Amino acid sequence: YRGIVSRRQLASSSNQPSKKVGSQVKHVPAVER
């Protein structure tokens, strides 16, 4: 697990479509079930 990319995060930033999603990853804590 590396992180998430949210709808708001993607809409709020200006990025080249060819960029990789790894460059926009936001690390949020993971939880147990």
ModelCIF file with pLDDT and N, C-alpha, C, O atoms, coordinates in Angstrom:
data_MODEL
#
_entry.id   MODEL 
#
_entity.id                         1 
_entity.type                       polymer 
_entity.pdbx_number_of_molecules   1 
#
_entity_poly.entity_id                      1 
_entity_poly.type                           'polypeptide(L)' 
_entity_poly.nstd_linkage                   no 
_entity_poly.nstd_monomer                   no 
_entity_poly.pdbx_seq_one_letter_code       YRGIVSRRQLASSSNQPSKKVGSQVKHVPAVER 
_entity_poly.pdbx_seq_one_letter_code_can   YRGIVSRRQLASSSNQPSKKVGSQVKHVPAVER 
_entity_poly.pdbx_strand_id                 A 
#
loop_
_entity_poly_seq.entity_id 
_entity_poly_seq.num 
_entity_poly_seq.mon_id 
_entity_poly_seq.hetero 
1 1  TYR n 
1 2  ARG n 
1 3  GLY n 
1 4  ILE n 
1 5  VAL n 
1 6  SER n 
1 7  ARG n 
1 8  ARG n 
1 9  GLN n 
1 10 LEU n 
1 11 ALA n 
1 12 SER n 
1 13 SER n 
1 14 SER n 
1 15 ASN n 
1 16 GLN n 
1 17 PRO n 
1 18 SER n 
1 19 LYS n 
1 20 LYS n 
1 21 VAL n 
1 22 GLY n 
1 23 SER n 
1 24 GLN n 
1 25 VAL n 
1 26 LYS n 
1 27 HIS n 
1 28 VAL n 
1 29 PRO n 
1 30 ALA n 
1 31 VAL n 
1 32 GLU n 
1 33 ARG n 
#
_struct_asym.id          A 
_struct_asym.entity_id   1 
#
loop_
_ma_qa_metric.id 
_ma_qa_metric.mode 
_ma_qa_metric.name 
_ma_qa_metric.software_group_id 
_ma_qa_metric.type 
1 global pLDDT . pLDDT 
2 local  pLDDT . pLDDT 
#
_ma_qa_metric_global.metric_id      1 
_ma_qa_metric_global.metric_value   85.55 
_ma_qa_metric_global.model_id       1 
_ma_qa_metric_global.ordinal_id     1 
#
loop_
_ma_qa_metric_local.label_asym_id 
_ma_qa_metric_local.label_comp_id 
_ma_qa_metric_local.label_seq_id 
_ma_qa_metric_local.metric_id 
_ma_qa_metric_local.metric_value 
_ma_qa_metric_local.model_id 
_ma_qa_metric_local.ordinal_id 
A TYR 1  2 92.00 1 1  
A ARG 2  2 91.00 1 2  
A GLY 3  2 92.00 1 3  
A ILE 4  2 94.00 1 4  
A VAL 5  2 94.00 1 5  
A SER 6  2 92.00 1 6  
A ARG 7  2 89.00 1 7  
A ARG 8  2 86.00 1 8  
A GLN 9  2 84.00 1 9  
A LEU 10 2 84.00 1 10 
A ALA 11 2 80.00 1 11 
A SER 12 2 73.00 1 12 
A SER 13 2 72.00 1 13 
A SER 14 2 69.00 1 14 
A ASN 15 2 68.00 1 15 
A GLN 16 2 74.00 1 16 
A PRO 17 2 71.00 1 17 
A SER 18 2 80.00 1 18 
A LYS 19 2 88.00 1 19 
A LYS 20 2 92.00 1 20 
A VAL 21 2 92.00 1 21 
A GLY 22 2 90.00 1 22 
A SER 23 2 89.00 1 23 
A GLN 24 2 89.00 1 24 
A VAL 25 2 90.00 1 25 
A LYS 26 2 87.00 1 26 
A HIS 27 2 84.00 1 27 
A VAL 28 2 87.00 1 28 
A PRO 29 2 86.00 1 29 
A ALA 30 2 90.00 1 30 
A VAL 31 2 92.00 1 31 
A GLU 32 2 92.00 1 32 
A ARG 33 2 90.00 1 33 
#
loop_
_atom_site.group_PDB 
_atom_site.id 
_atom_site.type_symbol 
_atom_site.label_atom_id 
_atom_site.label_alt_id 
_atom_site.label_comp_id 
_atom_site.label_asym_id 
_atom_site.label_entity_id 
_atom_site.label_seq_id 
_atom_site.pdbx_PDB_ins_code 
_atom_site.Cartn_x 
_atom_site.Cartn_y 
_atom_site.Cartn_z 
_atom_site.occupancy 
_atom_site.B_iso_or_equiv 
_atom_site.pdbx_formal_charge 
_atom_site.auth_seq_id 
_atom_site.auth_comp_id 
_atom_site.auth_asym_id 
_atom_site.auth_atom_id 
_atom_site.pdbx_PDB_model_num 
ATOM 1   N N  . TYR A 1 1  ? 0.841   -1.198 0.000   1.00 92.00 ? 1  TYR A N  1 
ATOM 2   C CA . TYR A 1 1  ? 0.000   0.000  0.000   1.00 92.00 ? 1  TYR A CA 1 
ATOM 3   C C  . TYR A 1 1  ? 0.878   1.249  0.000   1.00 92.00 ? 1  TYR A C  1 
ATOM 4   O O  . TYR A 1 1  ? 1.808   1.365  0.798   1.00 92.00 ? 1  TYR A O  1 
ATOM 5   N N  . ARG A 1 2  ? 0.572   2.186  -0.905  1.00 91.00 ? 2  ARG A N  1 
ATOM 6   C CA . ARG A 1 2  ? 1.345   3.425  -0.993  1.00 91.00 ? 2  ARG A CA 1 
ATOM 7   C C  . ARG A 1 2  ? 0.554   4.658  -0.579  1.00 91.00 ? 2  ARG A C  1 
ATOM 8   O O  . ARG A 1 2  ? 1.136   5.612  -0.064  1.00 91.00 ? 2  ARG A O  1 
ATOM 9   N N  . GLY A 1 3  ? -0.764  4.659  -0.793  1.00 92.00 ? 3  GLY A N  1 
ATOM 10  C CA . GLY A 1 3  ? -1.550  5.834  -0.436  1.00 92.00 ? 3  GLY A CA 1 
ATOM 11  C C  . GLY A 1 3  ? -2.829  5.887  -1.253  1.00 92.00 ? 3  GLY A C  1 
ATOM 12  O O  . GLY A 1 3  ? -3.249  4.887  -1.835  1.00 92.00 ? 3  GLY A O  1 
ATOM 13  N N  . ILE A 1 4  ? -3.447  7.069  -1.293  1.00 94.00 ? 4  ILE A N  1 
ATOM 14  C CA . ILE A 1 4  ? -4.666  7.253  -2.080  1.00 94.00 ? 4  ILE A CA 1 
ATOM 15  C C  . ILE A 1 4  ? -4.527  8.503  -2.941  1.00 94.00 ? 4  ILE A C  1 
ATOM 16  O O  . ILE A 1 4  ? -3.662  9.347  -2.707  1.00 94.00 ? 4  ILE A O  1 
ATOM 17  N N  . VAL A 1 5  ? -5.383  8.602  -3.925  1.00 94.00 ? 5  VAL A N  1 
ATOM 18  C CA . VAL A 1 5  ? -5.580  9.839  -4.683  1.00 94.00 ? 5  VAL A CA 1 
ATOM 19  C C  . VAL A 1 5  ? -7.079  10.093 -4.680  1.00 94.00 ? 5  VAL A C  1 
ATOM 20  O O  . VAL A 1 5  ? -7.852  9.246  -5.127  1.00 94.00 ? 5  VAL A O  1 
ATOM 21  N N  . SER A 1 6  ? -7.495  11.251 -4.180  1.00 92.00 ? 6  SER A N  1 
ATOM 22  C CA . SER A 1 6  ? -8.915  11.553 -4.058  1.00 92.00 ? 6  SER A CA 1 
ATOM 23  C C  . SER A 1 6  ? -9.406  12.358 -5.254  1.00 92.00 ? 6  SER A C  1 
ATOM 24  O O  . SER A 1 6  ? -8.620  12.957 -5.988  1.00 92.00 ? 6  SER A O  1 
ATOM 25  N N  . ARG A 1 7  ? -10.701 12.355 -5.428  1.00 89.00 ? 7  ARG A N  1 
ATOM 26  C CA . ARG A 1 7  ? -11.325 13.145 -6.483  1.00 89.00 ? 7  ARG A CA 1 
ATOM 27  C C  . ARG A 1 7  ? -10.977 14.626 -6.316  1.00 89.00 ? 7  ARG A C  1 
ATOM 28  O O  . ARG A 1 7  ? -10.605 15.294 -7.281  1.00 89.00 ? 7  ARG A O  1 
ATOM 29  N N  . ARG A 1 8  ? -11.102 15.134 -5.084  1.00 86.00 ? 8  ARG A N  1 
ATOM 30  C CA . ARG A 1 8  ? -10.827 16.547 -4.853  1.00 86.00 ? 8  ARG A CA 1 
ATOM 31  C C  . ARG A 1 8  ? -9.358  16.875 -5.090  1.00 86.00 ? 8  ARG A C  1 
ATOM 32  O O  . ARG A 1 8  ? -9.029  17.922 -5.648  1.00 86.00 ? 8  ARG A O  1 
ATOM 33  N N  . GLN A 1 9  ? -8.481  15.977 -4.662  1.00 84.00 ? 9  GLN A N  1 
ATOM 34  C CA . GLN A 1 9  ? -7.056  16.176 -4.853  1.00 84.00 ? 9  GLN A CA 1 
ATOM 35  C C  . GLN A 1 9  ? -6.709  16.287 -6.329  1.00 84.00 ? 9  GLN A C  1 
ATOM 36  O O  . GLN A 1 9  ? -5.931  17.154 -6.728  1.00 84.00 ? 9  GLN A O  1 
ATOM 37  N N  . LEU A 1 10 ? -7.285  15.409 -7.134  1.00 84.00 ? 10 LEU A N  1 
ATOM 38  C CA . LEU A 1 10 ? -6.988  15.409 -8.560  1.00 84.00 ? 10 LEU A CA 1 
ATOM 39  C C  . LEU A 1 10 ? -7.567  16.646 -9.230  1.00 84.00 ? 10 LEU A C  1 
ATOM 40  O O  . LEU A 1 10 ? -6.938  17.237 -10.108 1.00 84.00 ? 10 LEU A O  1 
ATOM 41  N N  . ALA A 1 11 ? -8.781  17.040 -8.809  1.00 80.00 ? 11 ALA A N  1 
ATOM 42  C CA . ALA A 1 11 ? -9.426  18.200 -9.411  1.00 80.00 ? 11 ALA A CA 1 
ATOM 43  C C  . ALA A 1 11 ? -8.764  19.505 -8.998  1.00 80.00 ? 11 ALA A C  1 
ATOM 44  O O  . ALA A 1 11 ? -8.855  20.503 -9.713  1.00 80.00 ? 11 ALA A O  1 
ATOM 45  N N  . SER A 1 12 ? -8.096  19.503 -7.844  1.00 73.00 ? 12 SER A N  1 
ATOM 46  C CA . SER A 1 12 ? -7.525  20.740 -7.316  1.00 73.00 ? 12 SER A CA 1 
ATOM 47  C C  . SER A 1 12 ? -6.112  21.012 -7.822  1.00 73.00 ? 12 SER A C  1 
ATOM 48  O O  . SER A 1 12 ? -5.558  22.082 -7.569  1.00 73.00 ? 12 SER A O  1 
ATOM 49  N N  . SER A 1 13 ? -5.531  20.060 -8.531  1.00 72.00 ? 13 SER A N  1 
ATOM 50  C CA . SER A 1 13 ? -4.156  20.237 -8.992  1.00 72.00 ? 13 SER A CA 1 
ATOM 51  C C  . SER A 1 13 ? -4.106  20.254 -10.514 1.00 72.00 ? 13 SER A C  1 
ATOM 52  O O  . SER A 1 13 ? -4.989  19.731 -11.193 1.00 72.00 ? 13 SER A O  1 
ATOM 53  N N  . SER A 1 14 ? -3.055  20.863 -11.022 1.00 69.00 ? 14 SER A N  1 
ATOM 54  C CA . SER A 1 14 ? -2.848  20.927 -12.471 1.00 69.00 ? 14 SER A CA 1 
ATOM 55  C C  . SER A 1 14 ? -1.736  19.950 -12.837 1.00 69.00 ? 14 SER A C  1 
ATOM 56  O O  . SER A 1 14 ? -0.576  20.172 -12.493 1.00 69.00 ? 14 SER A O  1 
ATOM 57  N N  . ASN A 1 15 ? -2.080  18.886 -13.523 1.00 68.00 ? 15 ASN A N  1 
ATOM 58  C CA . ASN A 1 15 ? -1.111  17.843 -13.848 1.00 68.00 ? 15 ASN A CA 1 
ATOM 59  C C  . ASN A 1 15 ? -1.192  17.433 -15.307 1.00 68.00 ? 15 ASN A C  1 
ATOM 60  O O  . ASN A 1 15 ? -2.256  17.490 -15.924 1.00 68.00 ? 15 ASN A O  1 
ATOM 61  N N  . GLN A 1 16 ? -0.074  17.025 -15.842 1.00 74.00 ? 16 GLN A N  1 
ATOM 62  C CA . GLN A 1 16 ? -0.041  16.466 -17.179 1.00 74.00 ? 16 GLN A CA 1 
ATOM 63  C C  . GLN A 1 16 ? -0.643  15.062 -17.149 1.00 74.00 ? 16 GLN A C  1 
ATOM 64  O O  . GLN A 1 16 ? -0.285  14.261 -16.285 1.00 74.00 ? 16 GLN A O  1 
ATOM 65  N N  . PRO A 1 17 ? -1.551  14.751 -18.075 1.00 71.00 ? 17 PRO A N  1 
ATOM 66  C CA . PRO A 1 17 ? -2.185  13.424 -18.074 1.00 71.00 ? 17 PRO A CA 1 
ATOM 67  C C  . PRO A 1 17 ? -1.183  12.282 -18.162 1.00 71.00 ? 17 PRO A C  1 
ATOM 68  O O  . PRO A 1 17 ? -1.464  11.171 -17.713 1.00 71.00 ? 17 PRO A O  1 
ATOM 69  N N  . SER A 1 18 ? -0.005  12.552 -18.744 1.00 80.00 ? 18 SER A N  1 
ATOM 70  C CA . SER A 1 18 ? 0.993   11.489 -18.903 1.00 80.00 ? 18 SER A CA 1 
ATOM 71  C C  . SER A 1 18 ? 1.746   11.190 -17.606 1.00 80.00 ? 18 SER A C  1 
ATOM 72  O O  . SER A 1 18 ? 2.443   10.179 -17.513 1.00 80.00 ? 18 SER A O  1 
ATOM 73  N N  . LYS A 1 19 ? 1.608   12.062 -16.605 1.00 88.00 ? 19 LYS A N  1 
ATOM 74  C CA . LYS A 1 19 ? 2.266   11.815 -15.329 1.00 88.00 ? 19 LYS A CA 1 
ATOM 75  C C  . LYS A 1 19 ? 1.722   10.543 -14.695 1.00 88.00 ? 19 LYS A C  1 
ATOM 76  O O  . LYS A 1 19 ? 0.606   10.109 -14.981 1.00 88.00 ? 19 LYS A O  1 
ATOM 77  N N  . LYS A 1 20 ? 2.540   9.957  -13.827 1.00 92.00 ? 20 LYS A N  1 
ATOM 78  C CA . LYS A 1 20 ? 2.133   8.726  -13.168 1.00 92.00 ? 20 LYS A CA 1 
ATOM 79  C C  . LYS A 1 20 ? 1.410   9.046  -11.860 1.00 92.00 ? 20 LYS A C  1 
ATOM 80  O O  . LYS A 1 20 ? 1.696   10.046 -11.202 1.00 92.00 ? 20 LYS A O  1 
ATOM 81  N N  . VAL A 1 21 ? 0.476   8.183  -11.504 1.00 92.00 ? 21 VAL A N  1 
ATOM 82  C CA . VAL A 1 21 ? -0.313  8.429  -10.309 1.00 92.00 ? 21 VAL A CA 1 
ATOM 83  C C  . VAL A 1 21 ? 0.556   8.419  -9.052  1.00 92.00 ? 21 VAL A C  1 
ATOM 84  O O  . VAL A 1 21 ? 0.206   9.027  -8.039  1.00 92.00 ? 21 VAL A O  1 
ATOM 85  N N  . GLY A 1 22 ? 1.688   7.724  -9.129  1.00 90.00 ? 22 GLY A N  1 
ATOM 86  C CA . GLY A 1 22 ? 2.586   7.689  -7.975  1.00 90.00 ? 22 GLY A CA 1 
ATOM 87  C C  . GLY A 1 22 ? 3.084   9.055  -7.563  1.00 90.00 ? 22 GLY A C  1 
ATOM 88  O O  . GLY A 1 22 ? 3.436   9.265  -6.403  1.00 90.00 ? 22 GLY A O  1 
ATOM 89  N N  . SER A 1 23 ? 3.118   10.001 -8.514  1.00 89.00 ? 23 SER A N  1 
ATOM 90  C CA . SER A 1 23 ? 3.595   11.350 -8.206  1.00 89.00 ? 23 SER A CA 1 
ATOM 91  C C  . SER A 1 23 ? 2.562   12.154 -7.430  1.00 89.00 ? 23 SER A C  1 
ATOM 92  O O  . SER A 1 23 ? 2.887   13.203 -6.875  1.00 89.00 ? 23 SER A O  1 
ATOM 93  N N  . GLN A 1 24 ? 1.315   11.673 -7.384  1.00 89.00 ? 24 GLN A N  1 
ATOM 94  C CA . GLN A 1 24 ? 0.239   12.409 -6.714  1.00 89.00 ? 24 GLN A CA 1 
ATOM 95  C C  . GLN A 1 24 ? -0.276  11.707 -5.463  1.00 89.00 ? 24 GLN A C  1 
ATOM 96  O O  . GLN A 1 24 ? -1.269  12.129 -4.870  1.00 89.00 ? 24 GLN A O  1 
ATOM 97  N N  . VAL A 1 25 ? 0.396   10.646 -5.068  1.00 90.00 ? 25 VAL A N  1 
ATOM 98  C CA . VAL A 1 25 ? -0.082  9.859  -3.938  1.00 90.00 ? 25 VAL A CA 1 
ATOM 99  C C  . VAL A 1 25 ? -0.061  10.675 -2.637  1.00 90.00 ? 25 VAL A C  1 
ATOM 100 O O  . VAL A 1 25 ? 0.919   11.348 -2.318  1.00 90.00 ? 25 VAL A O  1 
ATOM 101 N N  . LYS A 1 26 ? -1.148  10.592 -1.918  1.00 87.00 ? 26 LYS A N  1 
ATOM 102 C CA . LYS A 1 26 ? -1.227  11.172 -0.583  1.00 87.00 ? 26 LYS A CA 1 
ATOM 103 C C  . LYS A 1 26 ? -1.285  10.017 0.397   1.00 87.00 ? 26 LYS A C  1 
ATOM 104 O O  . LYS A 1 26 ? -2.185  9.179  0.334   1.00 87.00 ? 26 LYS A O  1 
ATOM 105 N N  . HIS A 1 27 ? -0.322  9.978  1.302   1.00 84.00 ? 27 HIS A N  1 
ATOM 106 C CA . HIS A 1 27 ? -0.315  8.871  2.262   1.00 84.00 ? 27 HIS A CA 1 
ATOM 107 C C  . HIS A 1 27 ? -1.302  9.176  3.381   1.00 84.00 ? 27 HIS A C  1 
ATOM 108 O O  . HIS A 1 27 ? -1.151  10.155 4.111   1.00 84.00 ? 27 HIS A O  1 
ATOM 109 N N  . VAL A 1 28 ? -2.305  8.329  3.502   1.00 87.00 ? 28 VAL A N  1 
ATOM 110 C CA . VAL A 1 28 ? -3.237  8.424  4.620   1.00 87.00 ? 28 VAL A CA 1 
ATOM 111 C C  . VAL A 1 28 ? -3.133  7.114  5.390   1.00 87.00 ? 28 VAL A C  1 
ATOM 112 O O  . VAL A 1 28 ? -2.831  6.072  4.808   1.00 87.00 ? 28 VAL A O  1 
ATOM 113 N N  . PRO A 1 29 ? -3.380  7.162  6.681   1.00 86.00 ? 29 PRO A N  1 
ATOM 114 C CA . PRO A 1 29 ? -3.212  5.946  7.487   1.00 86.00 ? 29 PRO A CA 1 
ATOM 115 C C  . PRO A 1 29 ? -4.167  4.841  7.079   1.00 86.00 ? 29 PRO A C  1 
ATOM 116 O O  . PRO A 1 29 ? -5.332  5.092  6.773   1.00 86.00 ? 29 PRO A O  1 
ATOM 117 N N  . ALA A 1 30 ? -3.666  3.625  7.077   1.00 90.00 ? 30 ALA A N  1 
ATOM 118 C CA . ALA A 1 30 ? -4.502  2.456  6.851   1.00 90.00 ? 30 ALA A CA 1 
ATOM 119 C C  . ALA A 1 30 ? -4.962  1.923  8.202   1.00 90.00 ? 30 ALA A C  1 
ATOM 120 O O  . ALA A 1 30 ? -4.280  2.109  9.210   1.00 90.00 ? 30 ALA A O  1 
ATOM 121 N N  . VAL A 1 31 ? -6.107  1.266  8.226   1.00 92.00 ? 31 VAL A N  1 
ATOM 122 C CA . VAL A 1 31 ? -6.647  0.740  9.479   1.00 92.00 ? 31 VAL A CA 1 
ATOM 123 C C  . VAL A 1 31 ? -6.912  -0.748 9.350   1.00 92.00 ? 31 VAL A C  1 
ATOM 124 O O  . VAL A 1 31 ? -6.993  -1.288 8.247   1.00 92.00 ? 31 VAL A O  1 
ATOM 125 N N  . GLU A 1 32 ? -7.045  -1.393 10.480  1.00 92.00 ? 32 GLU A N  1 
ATOM 126 C CA . GLU A 1 32 ? -7.382  -2.814 10.500  1.00 92.00 ? 32 GLU A CA 1 
ATOM 127 C C  . GLU A 1 32 ? -8.902  -2.989 10.475  1.00 92.00 ? 32 GLU A C  1 
ATOM 128 O O  . GLU A 1 32 ? -9.647  -2.059 10.783  1.00 92.00 ? 32 GLU A O  1 
ATOM 129 N N  . ARG A 1 33 ? -9.345  -4.169 10.113  1.00 90.00 ? 33 ARG A N  1 
ATOM 130 C CA . ARG A 1 33 ? -10.787 -4.433 9.986   1.00 90.00 ? 33 ARG A CA 1 
ATOM 131 C C  . ARG A 1 33 ? -11.525 -4.287 11.310  1.00 90.00 ? 33 ARG A C  1 
ATOM 132 O O  . ARG A 1 33 ? -12.740 -4.478 11.363  1.00 90.00 ? 33 ARG A O  1 
#
